[in-house]
Protein backbone atom coordinates (compact mmCIF):
# COMPACT_ATOMS: atom_id res chain seq x y z
CA MET A 1 21.68 4.56 -42.18
CA THR A 2 21.97 8.32 -41.73
CA LYS A 3 24.26 9.69 -39.08
CA ASN A 4 21.53 11.30 -36.98
CA ILE A 5 19.70 7.96 -36.61
CA MET A 6 22.96 6.24 -35.69
CA ASP A 7 23.62 8.92 -33.08
CA LEU A 8 20.11 8.43 -31.70
CA PHE A 9 20.68 4.79 -30.88
CA ASP A 10 24.41 4.73 -30.06
CA GLN A 11 23.63 5.28 -26.39
CA LYS A 12 25.56 4.68 -23.22
CA PRO A 13 23.94 4.41 -19.80
CA ASP A 14 22.98 7.90 -18.65
CA GLU A 15 25.39 9.78 -16.45
CA PRO A 16 23.95 11.62 -13.44
CA GLY A 17 23.91 15.40 -13.82
CA GLU A 18 22.84 18.54 -12.07
CA GLY A 19 19.46 18.14 -10.38
CA THR A 20 19.47 14.37 -10.79
CA PRO A 21 17.34 12.59 -8.16
CA LEU A 22 19.38 10.93 -5.43
CA ALA A 23 18.20 7.44 -6.43
CA GLU A 24 19.57 8.03 -9.93
CA SER A 25 22.82 9.75 -8.98
CA MET A 26 23.63 6.97 -6.48
CA ARG A 27 22.88 4.22 -8.98
CA PRO A 28 25.83 1.78 -8.75
CA GLN A 29 28.33 2.06 -11.60
CA SER A 30 30.06 -1.30 -11.09
CA LEU A 31 29.55 -4.74 -9.59
CA GLU A 32 31.65 -3.65 -6.61
CA GLU A 33 29.10 -0.94 -5.78
CA PHE A 34 26.08 -3.15 -6.41
CA GLU A 35 24.26 -4.22 -3.25
CA GLY A 36 22.49 -7.58 -2.91
CA GLN A 37 21.85 -10.46 -5.32
CA GLU A 38 25.08 -12.20 -4.26
CA ASN A 39 23.63 -15.50 -5.45
CA LEU A 40 23.74 -14.12 -9.01
CA ILE A 41 26.71 -11.78 -9.18
CA GLY A 42 28.90 -12.90 -6.30
CA PRO A 43 32.47 -13.97 -7.21
CA GLY A 44 32.44 -17.26 -9.08
CA LYS A 45 28.71 -17.13 -9.86
CA PRO A 46 27.74 -17.78 -13.53
CA LEU A 47 26.45 -14.26 -14.25
CA HIS A 48 29.48 -12.64 -12.62
CA MET A 49 31.80 -14.81 -14.70
CA ALA A 50 29.85 -14.07 -17.90
CA ILE A 51 30.18 -10.33 -17.29
CA MET A 52 33.88 -10.56 -16.50
CA ASP A 53 34.50 -12.71 -19.61
CA ASP A 54 32.34 -10.43 -21.81
CA ASN A 55 30.28 -13.48 -22.71
CA ILE A 56 26.75 -12.13 -22.26
CA THR A 57 23.70 -13.89 -23.71
CA SER A 58 20.09 -12.70 -23.80
CA MET A 59 18.42 -12.71 -20.40
CA VAL A 60 15.45 -11.50 -18.37
CA PHE A 61 15.72 -10.08 -14.86
CA TRP A 62 12.64 -10.87 -12.79
CA GLY A 63 12.26 -9.22 -9.42
CA PRO A 64 10.35 -6.69 -7.29
CA PRO A 65 10.70 -2.92 -7.71
CA GLY A 66 14.01 -1.48 -6.55
CA SER A 67 15.87 -4.80 -6.53
CA GLY A 68 18.43 -3.68 -9.14
CA LYS A 69 17.16 -4.93 -12.51
CA THR A 70 17.86 -1.74 -14.49
CA THR A 71 21.06 -1.03 -12.58
CA LEU A 72 22.45 -4.47 -13.30
CA ALA A 73 21.67 -4.09 -17.01
CA ARG A 74 23.57 -0.78 -17.08
CA ILE A 75 26.52 -2.30 -15.25
CA ILE A 76 26.64 -5.12 -17.80
CA ALA A 77 26.74 -2.51 -20.59
CA ARG A 78 29.58 -0.64 -18.88
CA SER A 79 31.53 -3.82 -18.14
CA THR A 80 31.27 -5.34 -21.63
CA LYS A 81 32.01 -4.18 -25.14
CA SER A 82 28.40 -3.29 -25.88
CA ASP A 83 26.40 -0.31 -27.05
CA PHE A 84 23.52 0.16 -24.65
CA VAL A 85 20.03 0.93 -26.00
CA ASN A 86 17.30 1.66 -23.49
CA PHE A 87 13.86 0.72 -24.79
CA SER A 88 10.65 1.14 -22.80
CA ALA A 89 7.77 -1.24 -23.35
CA VAL A 90 5.47 1.45 -21.96
CA THR A 91 6.31 4.37 -24.27
CA SER A 92 7.77 2.66 -27.35
CA GLY A 93 6.44 0.25 -29.95
CA VAL A 94 7.38 -1.84 -32.99
CA PRO A 95 8.25 1.15 -35.27
CA GLU A 96 10.91 2.33 -32.81
CA LEU A 97 12.12 -1.24 -32.47
CA ARG A 98 12.63 -1.48 -36.26
CA LYS A 99 14.87 1.60 -36.15
CA ILE A 100 16.88 0.10 -33.32
CA ILE A 101 17.27 -3.21 -35.16
CA GLY A 102 18.41 -1.38 -38.31
CA ALA A 103 21.03 0.56 -36.36
CA ALA A 104 22.14 -2.63 -34.58
CA LYS A 105 22.63 -4.42 -37.90
CA ASP A 106 24.80 -1.58 -39.19
CA ARG A 107 26.74 -1.40 -35.94
CA ARG A 108 27.37 -5.12 -36.05
CA LYS A 109 28.36 -5.08 -39.73
CA PHE A 110 30.64 -2.04 -39.79
CA ASN A 111 31.89 -1.63 -36.21
CA LYS A 112 31.75 -5.23 -35.02
CA VAL A 113 30.07 -3.96 -31.84
CA ARG A 114 27.30 -5.78 -30.02
CA THR A 115 24.03 -3.99 -29.23
CA LEU A 116 22.71 -4.60 -25.76
CA LEU A 117 18.97 -3.87 -25.94
CA PHE A 118 17.46 -3.24 -22.52
CA VAL A 119 13.66 -3.54 -22.44
CA ASP A 120 12.12 -2.29 -19.23
CA GLU A 121 8.75 -3.75 -18.22
CA ILE A 122 8.94 -6.30 -21.02
CA HIS A 123 5.76 -7.93 -19.71
CA ARG A 124 3.80 -4.96 -21.10
CA PHE A 125 4.50 -6.06 -24.67
CA ASN A 126 1.72 -8.07 -26.29
CA LYS A 127 2.35 -11.31 -28.17
CA ALA A 128 2.84 -9.64 -31.55
CA GLN A 129 5.33 -7.16 -30.12
CA GLN A 130 7.29 -9.91 -28.37
CA ASP A 131 7.30 -11.92 -31.61
CA ALA A 132 9.11 -9.01 -33.25
CA PHE A 133 12.16 -9.65 -31.03
CA LEU A 134 12.51 -13.32 -31.87
CA PRO A 135 14.53 -13.39 -35.11
CA PHE A 136 16.92 -10.68 -33.94
CA VAL A 137 17.55 -12.29 -30.57
CA GLU A 138 18.03 -15.63 -32.27
CA ASP A 139 20.53 -14.41 -34.89
CA GLY A 140 22.45 -12.26 -32.42
CA THR A 141 21.60 -8.88 -33.97
CA VAL A 142 20.80 -7.75 -30.42
CA THR A 143 21.50 -9.15 -27.00
CA LEU A 144 18.23 -8.73 -25.12
CA ILE A 145 18.05 -7.88 -21.44
CA GLY A 146 14.46 -7.66 -20.27
CA ALA A 147 13.27 -6.47 -16.89
CA THR A 148 9.95 -7.41 -15.34
CA THR A 149 8.18 -7.46 -12.00
CA GLU A 150 5.81 -10.15 -13.30
CA ASN A 151 6.36 -13.89 -13.54
CA PRO A 152 7.95 -14.48 -16.99
CA SER A 153 6.20 -17.85 -17.23
CA PHE A 154 2.89 -16.02 -17.55
CA GLU A 155 3.90 -12.78 -19.26
CA ILE A 156 6.52 -13.73 -21.86
CA ILE A 157 5.69 -15.91 -24.86
CA SER A 158 7.24 -19.38 -24.86
CA PRO A 159 9.37 -18.97 -28.02
CA LEU A 160 11.04 -15.86 -26.60
CA LEU A 161 11.32 -17.34 -23.11
CA SER A 162 13.14 -20.37 -24.52
CA ARG A 163 15.80 -18.07 -26.02
CA VAL A 164 16.68 -16.18 -22.84
CA ARG A 165 18.04 -17.02 -19.42
CA VAL A 166 15.81 -15.92 -16.54
CA TYR A 167 17.55 -14.53 -13.45
CA THR A 168 15.42 -14.02 -10.34
CA LEU A 169 16.29 -11.02 -8.17
CA SER A 170 15.19 -10.86 -4.54
CA ARG A 171 13.90 -7.92 -2.54
CA LEU A 172 16.70 -6.26 -0.58
CA GLU A 173 17.10 -6.98 3.11
CA PRO A 174 17.00 -4.13 5.69
CA GLU A 175 20.75 -4.45 6.34
CA GLN A 176 21.46 -4.04 2.62
CA LEU A 177 19.18 -1.01 2.44
CA LYS A 178 20.94 0.53 5.46
CA ARG A 179 24.28 0.19 3.68
CA ILE A 180 22.82 1.89 0.59
CA VAL A 181 21.46 4.76 2.71
CA LYS A 182 24.75 5.20 4.60
CA ARG A 183 26.70 5.18 1.34
CA ALA A 184 24.47 7.99 0.01
CA LEU A 185 24.98 9.97 3.22
CA ALA A 186 28.76 9.58 2.99
CA ASP A 187 29.26 10.22 -0.75
CA GLY A 188 30.15 13.89 -1.24
CA GLN A 189 30.12 13.79 -5.04
CA ARG A 190 27.04 11.79 -5.99
CA GLY A 191 25.24 11.67 -2.67
CA LEU A 192 24.52 13.87 0.36
CA GLY A 193 27.98 13.88 1.90
CA SER A 194 28.57 17.53 1.07
CA LEU A 195 25.55 18.61 3.11
CA ASP A 196 25.81 19.37 6.80
CA LEU A 197 23.49 16.64 8.11
CA ASN A 198 22.99 15.08 11.51
CA VAL A 199 21.31 11.73 10.86
CA ASP A 200 19.90 9.65 13.70
CA ASP A 201 20.76 5.92 13.46
CA ASP A 202 17.13 5.16 14.25
CA ALA A 203 16.13 7.25 11.22
CA VAL A 204 18.33 5.10 8.99
CA GLU A 205 16.73 1.99 10.52
CA LEU A 206 13.27 3.40 9.85
CA VAL A 207 14.04 4.27 6.21
CA ALA A 208 15.33 0.74 5.63
CA SER A 209 12.20 -0.71 7.23
CA LEU A 210 9.67 1.49 5.42
CA ALA A 211 11.33 0.98 2.02
CA ASP A 212 10.00 -2.60 1.96
CA GLY A 213 12.98 -4.06 0.10
CA ASP A 214 13.10 -1.28 -2.52
CA ALA A 215 16.41 0.62 -2.85
CA ARG A 216 14.87 3.38 -4.98
CA SER A 217 12.16 3.92 -2.38
CA ALA A 218 14.76 4.12 0.39
CA LEU A 219 16.81 6.78 -1.40
CA ASN A 220 13.71 8.78 -2.38
CA MET A 221 12.60 8.70 1.25
CA LEU A 222 16.04 9.85 2.41
CA GLU A 223 16.10 12.69 -0.13
CA LEU A 224 12.64 13.91 0.86
CA SER A 225 13.57 13.73 4.55
CA THR A 226 16.60 15.90 3.82
CA LEU A 227 14.46 18.51 2.10
CA ILE A 228 11.94 18.86 4.95
CA ALA A 229 14.40 18.50 7.86
CA GLU A 230 14.85 21.54 10.11
CA GLU A 231 18.18 22.99 11.21
CA LYS A 232 19.41 22.74 14.79
CA ASN A 233 22.72 24.24 15.79
CA GLY A 234 23.56 24.86 12.14
CA LYS A 235 22.86 21.29 10.99
CA LYS A 236 19.82 19.68 9.45
CA GLU A 237 18.61 16.89 11.70
CA ILE A 238 17.01 13.77 10.27
CA THR A 239 15.14 11.88 12.97
CA PRO A 240 12.54 9.10 12.84
CA GLU A 241 9.88 11.80 13.22
CA VAL A 242 11.19 13.57 10.11
CA VAL A 243 11.12 10.30 8.16
CA GLN A 244 7.56 9.65 9.30
CA ARG A 245 6.52 13.10 8.09
CA ALA A 246 8.23 12.50 4.76
CA VAL A 247 6.39 9.25 4.28
CA GLN A 248 2.93 9.47 5.78
CA GLU A 249 2.12 5.83 5.13
CA LYS A 250 4.23 2.85 4.14
CA SER A 251 3.50 1.63 0.60
CA LEU A 252 3.12 -2.13 0.49
CA LEU A 253 4.16 -4.04 -2.61
CA TYR A 254 0.92 -5.21 -4.18
CA ASP A 255 -0.45 -5.52 -7.69
CA LYS A 256 -4.04 -6.67 -7.84
CA SER A 257 -3.53 -8.09 -11.32
CA GLY A 258 -0.02 -9.43 -10.89
CA GLU A 259 1.77 -12.36 -9.32
CA GLU A 260 1.91 -10.88 -5.80
CA HIS A 261 -1.90 -10.83 -5.84
CA TYR A 262 -1.92 -14.61 -6.25
CA ASN A 263 1.00 -15.15 -3.87
CA LEU A 264 -0.87 -13.47 -1.01
CA ILE A 265 -4.18 -15.25 -1.54
CA SER A 266 -2.23 -18.52 -1.76
CA ALA A 267 -0.48 -17.73 1.52
CA LEU A 268 -3.88 -17.02 3.15
CA HIS A 269 -5.40 -20.26 1.83
CA LYS A 270 -2.46 -22.40 2.96
CA SER A 271 -2.36 -20.78 6.41
CA LEU A 272 -6.02 -21.70 6.91
CA ARG A 273 -5.48 -25.22 5.59
CA ASP A 274 -2.66 -25.66 8.12
CA SER A 275 -4.95 -24.44 10.94
CA ASP A 276 -2.86 -21.32 11.64
CA PRO A 277 -5.18 -18.42 12.56
CA ASP A 278 -2.25 -16.05 13.12
CA GLY A 279 -0.86 -16.61 9.64
CA GLY A 280 -4.37 -16.32 8.23
CA LEU A 281 -4.98 -12.98 9.97
CA TYR A 282 -1.62 -11.61 8.82
CA TRP A 283 -2.17 -12.39 5.13
CA LEU A 284 -5.74 -11.13 5.36
CA GLY A 285 -4.39 -7.87 6.79
CA ARG A 286 -1.71 -7.61 4.09
CA MET A 287 -4.34 -7.87 1.38
CA LEU A 288 -6.91 -5.54 2.93
CA GLU A 289 -4.36 -2.87 3.89
CA SER A 290 -3.04 -2.96 0.32
CA GLY A 291 -6.48 -2.19 -1.07
CA GLU A 292 -7.66 -5.65 -2.13
CA ASP A 293 -11.37 -6.05 -2.86
CA PRO A 294 -12.87 -7.78 0.20
CA LEU A 295 -15.30 -9.64 -2.08
CA TYR A 296 -12.35 -11.29 -3.84
CA ILE A 297 -11.11 -12.54 -0.47
CA VAL A 298 -14.49 -13.75 0.73
CA ARG A 299 -15.02 -15.68 -2.50
CA ARG A 300 -11.86 -17.63 -1.70
CA LEU A 301 -13.06 -18.15 1.90
CA ILE A 302 -16.38 -19.57 0.68
CA ARG A 303 -14.50 -21.93 -1.61
CA PHE A 304 -12.22 -22.92 1.27
CA ALA A 305 -15.21 -23.67 3.51
CA SER A 306 -16.25 -26.44 1.12
CA GLU A 307 -12.87 -27.51 -0.24
CA ASP A 308 -10.88 -27.80 2.99
CA VAL A 309 -13.48 -27.94 5.77
CA GLY A 310 -16.52 -29.42 4.09
CA ASN A 311 -18.85 -31.45 6.27
CA ALA A 312 -16.29 -31.65 9.05
CA ASP A 313 -17.96 -28.37 10.10
CA PRO A 314 -21.02 -27.54 7.96
CA HIS A 315 -21.39 -24.21 9.79
CA ALA A 316 -18.17 -22.91 8.16
CA LEU A 317 -19.93 -22.34 4.83
CA VAL A 318 -22.80 -20.54 6.57
CA LEU A 319 -20.39 -18.22 8.39
CA CYS A 320 -18.48 -17.39 5.18
CA VAL A 321 -21.67 -16.58 3.29
CA SER A 322 -22.63 -14.34 6.20
CA ALA A 323 -19.24 -12.62 5.89
CA MET A 324 -19.97 -12.05 2.20
CA GLN A 325 -23.30 -10.45 3.10
CA ALA A 326 -21.53 -8.24 5.64
CA CYS A 327 -19.08 -7.10 2.93
CA HIS A 328 -22.01 -6.17 0.68
CA PHE A 329 -24.00 -4.52 3.48
CA ILE A 330 -21.43 -2.45 5.39
CA GLY A 331 -18.36 -2.46 3.11
CA MET A 332 -14.84 -1.53 4.15
CA PRO A 333 -13.40 -0.87 6.64
CA GLU A 334 -16.24 -2.11 8.85
CA CYS A 335 -16.44 -5.56 7.25
CA GLU A 336 -12.76 -6.31 7.92
CA LEU A 337 -13.71 -7.81 11.30
CA SER A 338 -16.32 -10.02 9.66
CA LEU A 339 -13.59 -11.33 7.37
CA ALA A 340 -11.25 -11.74 10.33
CA GLN A 341 -13.94 -13.74 12.14
CA ALA A 342 -14.38 -16.00 9.12
CA VAL A 343 -10.61 -16.46 8.70
CA THR A 344 -10.01 -17.43 12.32
CA TYR A 345 -13.05 -19.74 12.32
CA LEU A 346 -11.86 -21.53 9.19
CA ALA A 347 -8.34 -21.88 10.56
CA SER A 348 -9.67 -23.34 13.82
CA ALA A 349 -12.26 -25.65 12.22
CA PRO A 350 -11.66 -29.39 11.70
CA LYS A 351 -10.45 -30.05 8.17
CA SER A 352 -11.67 -32.48 5.51
CA ASN A 353 -11.10 -32.54 1.77
CA ALA A 354 -13.51 -35.46 1.26
CA LEU A 355 -15.90 -33.28 -0.77
CA TYR A 356 -13.06 -31.92 -2.91
CA ALA A 357 -11.59 -35.36 -3.55
CA GLY A 358 -14.97 -36.97 -4.18
CA TYR A 359 -16.14 -34.34 -6.63
CA GLY A 360 -12.77 -34.43 -8.38
CA GLU A 361 -13.23 -38.14 -8.96
CA VAL A 362 -16.75 -37.52 -10.28
CA LYS A 363 -15.42 -34.99 -12.81
CA SER A 364 -12.77 -37.46 -13.88
CA ASP A 365 -15.36 -40.20 -14.46
CA VAL A 366 -17.69 -37.83 -16.32
CA ARG A 367 -14.85 -36.99 -18.72
CA ALA A 368 -13.75 -40.64 -19.01
CA TYR A 369 -17.17 -42.26 -19.54
CA GLY A 370 -19.05 -39.45 -21.29
CA SER A 371 -22.86 -39.25 -21.17
CA LEU A 372 -23.77 -42.51 -19.52
CA PRO A 373 -27.55 -43.16 -19.62
CA VAL A 374 -29.62 -42.70 -16.47
CA PRO A 375 -30.83 -46.10 -15.19
CA LEU A 376 -34.46 -46.65 -16.29
CA HIS A 377 -35.86 -47.17 -12.80
CA ILE A 378 -34.86 -43.66 -11.62
CA ARG A 379 -35.91 -41.80 -14.77
CA ASN A 380 -38.85 -39.43 -14.75
CA ALA A 381 -41.96 -40.82 -16.54
CA PRO A 382 -44.45 -37.98 -17.15
CA THR A 383 -45.95 -39.48 -20.34
CA ARG A 384 -47.51 -42.82 -21.27
CA LEU A 385 -44.88 -43.44 -23.93
CA MET A 386 -42.13 -43.05 -21.38
CA LYS A 387 -43.88 -45.48 -19.06
CA GLU A 388 -44.24 -47.96 -21.92
CA LEU A 389 -40.51 -47.61 -22.57
CA GLY A 390 -39.84 -48.62 -18.99
CA TYR A 391 -39.06 -45.21 -17.52
CA GLY A 392 -39.48 -45.41 -13.74
CA ASN A 393 -40.20 -49.13 -13.89
CA GLY A 394 -39.19 -50.87 -10.66
CA TYR A 395 -38.51 -47.67 -8.76
CA LYS A 396 -38.77 -48.08 -4.97
CA TYR A 397 -40.25 -45.11 -3.13
CA ALA A 398 -38.17 -44.87 0.04
CA HIS A 399 -40.98 -43.52 2.23
CA ASN A 400 -42.96 -46.72 1.68
CA PHE A 401 -40.27 -48.82 3.38
CA PRO A 402 -39.28 -49.26 7.03
CA GLY A 403 -36.81 -46.60 8.12
CA HIS A 404 -37.38 -44.81 4.78
CA LEU A 405 -34.55 -46.95 3.47
CA VAL A 406 -34.21 -48.99 0.25
CA ASP A 407 -31.54 -50.95 -1.59
CA GLN A 408 -31.48 -49.33 -4.99
CA ASP A 409 -28.78 -48.47 -7.56
CA HIS A 410 -28.45 -44.81 -8.54
CA LEU A 411 -25.32 -44.88 -10.69
CA PRO A 412 -25.02 -45.95 -14.34
CA GLY A 413 -24.18 -49.62 -14.78
CA GLN A 414 -20.51 -49.00 -15.64
CA LEU A 415 -20.05 -47.23 -12.29
CA LYS A 416 -22.11 -49.59 -10.13
CA GLY A 417 -20.76 -49.89 -6.60
CA LYS A 418 -18.42 -46.91 -6.89
CA THR A 419 -18.00 -44.71 -3.81
CA TYR A 420 -17.14 -41.03 -4.27
CA TYR A 421 -17.78 -39.50 -0.88
CA ASN A 422 -15.65 -40.96 1.89
CA PRO A 423 -16.11 -38.90 5.05
CA THR A 424 -13.20 -38.59 7.42
CA GLU A 425 -13.01 -38.85 11.20
CA GLN A 426 -12.75 -35.04 11.46
CA GLY A 427 -15.38 -33.01 13.29
CA TYR A 428 -18.99 -33.52 12.29
CA GLU A 429 -17.88 -35.70 9.38
CA LYS A 430 -17.22 -38.45 11.90
CA THR A 431 -20.96 -38.39 12.69
CA ILE A 432 -21.78 -38.51 8.97
CA LYS A 433 -19.41 -41.43 8.50
CA GLN A 434 -21.03 -43.34 11.32
CA ARG A 435 -24.53 -42.64 9.98
CA LEU A 436 -23.62 -43.77 6.45
CA ALA A 437 -22.04 -46.93 7.84
CA SER A 438 -25.19 -47.58 9.87
CA LEU A 439 -27.43 -47.08 6.81
CA ARG A 440 -25.33 -49.42 4.68
CA GLU A 441 -25.31 -52.01 7.42
CA ALA A 442 -29.12 -51.81 7.73
CA ILE A 443 -29.52 -52.24 3.96
CA GLU A 444 -27.24 -55.27 3.92
CA LYS A 445 -29.10 -56.81 6.86
CA ARG A 446 -32.46 -56.26 5.18
CA LYS A 447 -31.19 -57.79 1.94
CA LYS A 448 -30.14 -60.90 3.81
CA MET A 449 -33.51 -61.15 5.52
CA GLY A 450 -35.40 -60.54 2.27
CA ASP A 451 -37.58 -57.89 3.90
CA GLU A 452 -37.84 -55.46 1.00
CA ARG A 453 -41.19 -55.79 -0.76
């Protein structure tokens, strides 16, 4: 291995320098400076002990933006006897990885030093690229630390996932973000402490609120507020109004192809199922304000109308299809009220999963029994041959009988007598249940009397 390649990969976590963004210069350098994630790195916790004992194994940090994934990886590198290599899944590929692995093998062989390979956005690697890590993670050539905002269960291949420990990081709370902001304001070397600033407490509160759990966002917001703030009495004043100017609109965490996409639609569905119109409206608003396609939402509402309301309120399906037409006809933002109307109606409607349960049982029987033959008496008989084979033989035409009612089997023989649809006592389904019971009672009575001819 030539010296210049070794120098290329013998990295240490970057030190902040002149002109470094505030979020980078204030990046914590030790566990003592790190804010949040006490359940992982608090005293006595497994990860904290592993760092202190220099006993690090391969791991993946999974959490929202700004929760400390990269920072924690850098702290681990500083706190352990490791050479840190930063590798981006966005800008790098397998050729670069081969160079890193070669350098790591030499480092391990000659210097007895571990290589800590940090892979940001590891979920962006495809299967083949992730496969390339496997042998080197397994034999200890590198200790892998991956960072991802996506659920590792879906984005990381099983063989690699089985070789790493997944640590889940949480979004930061407003109080934690306030401490981060105040630390930046007080630090005269790495932060803004050397500037003559007059910072309103309400401005700090607002930054922490608008950052939406993201430390990087909070510090970027603070830095921008400092740049645009005006001087009064020789001091720059940062007020809530200054913060609002710096950030015209709060950015909500949302990825239309990622896990949060499914978390929010799940929250909407479950709010409606639990008959909570307020929860339903909130999650609807979260999705629409984040730019979700209203047609995606209304598709779920139409499904809900049949799955969770069903015949307890047959009008629910009609209303949801109308909401879909409104989305097509007038689009956003006008159709948001049509969706809100559908959401509150579904939440307030009586609930029944009888259709969902019944059809689920049908699918199960179809898979279990295969292609059972249609009973001869209810087969179509358009040709003479079919009639000679008995197709339609013995069929009773309901309109020729009193009450338009007959006793006649419609299921294959193996399923005779099986009941799939069992209406509940909810809403209109109670009426359906009573009608079906009345029909069955009339059929039984007629059978006893021998009236069918």
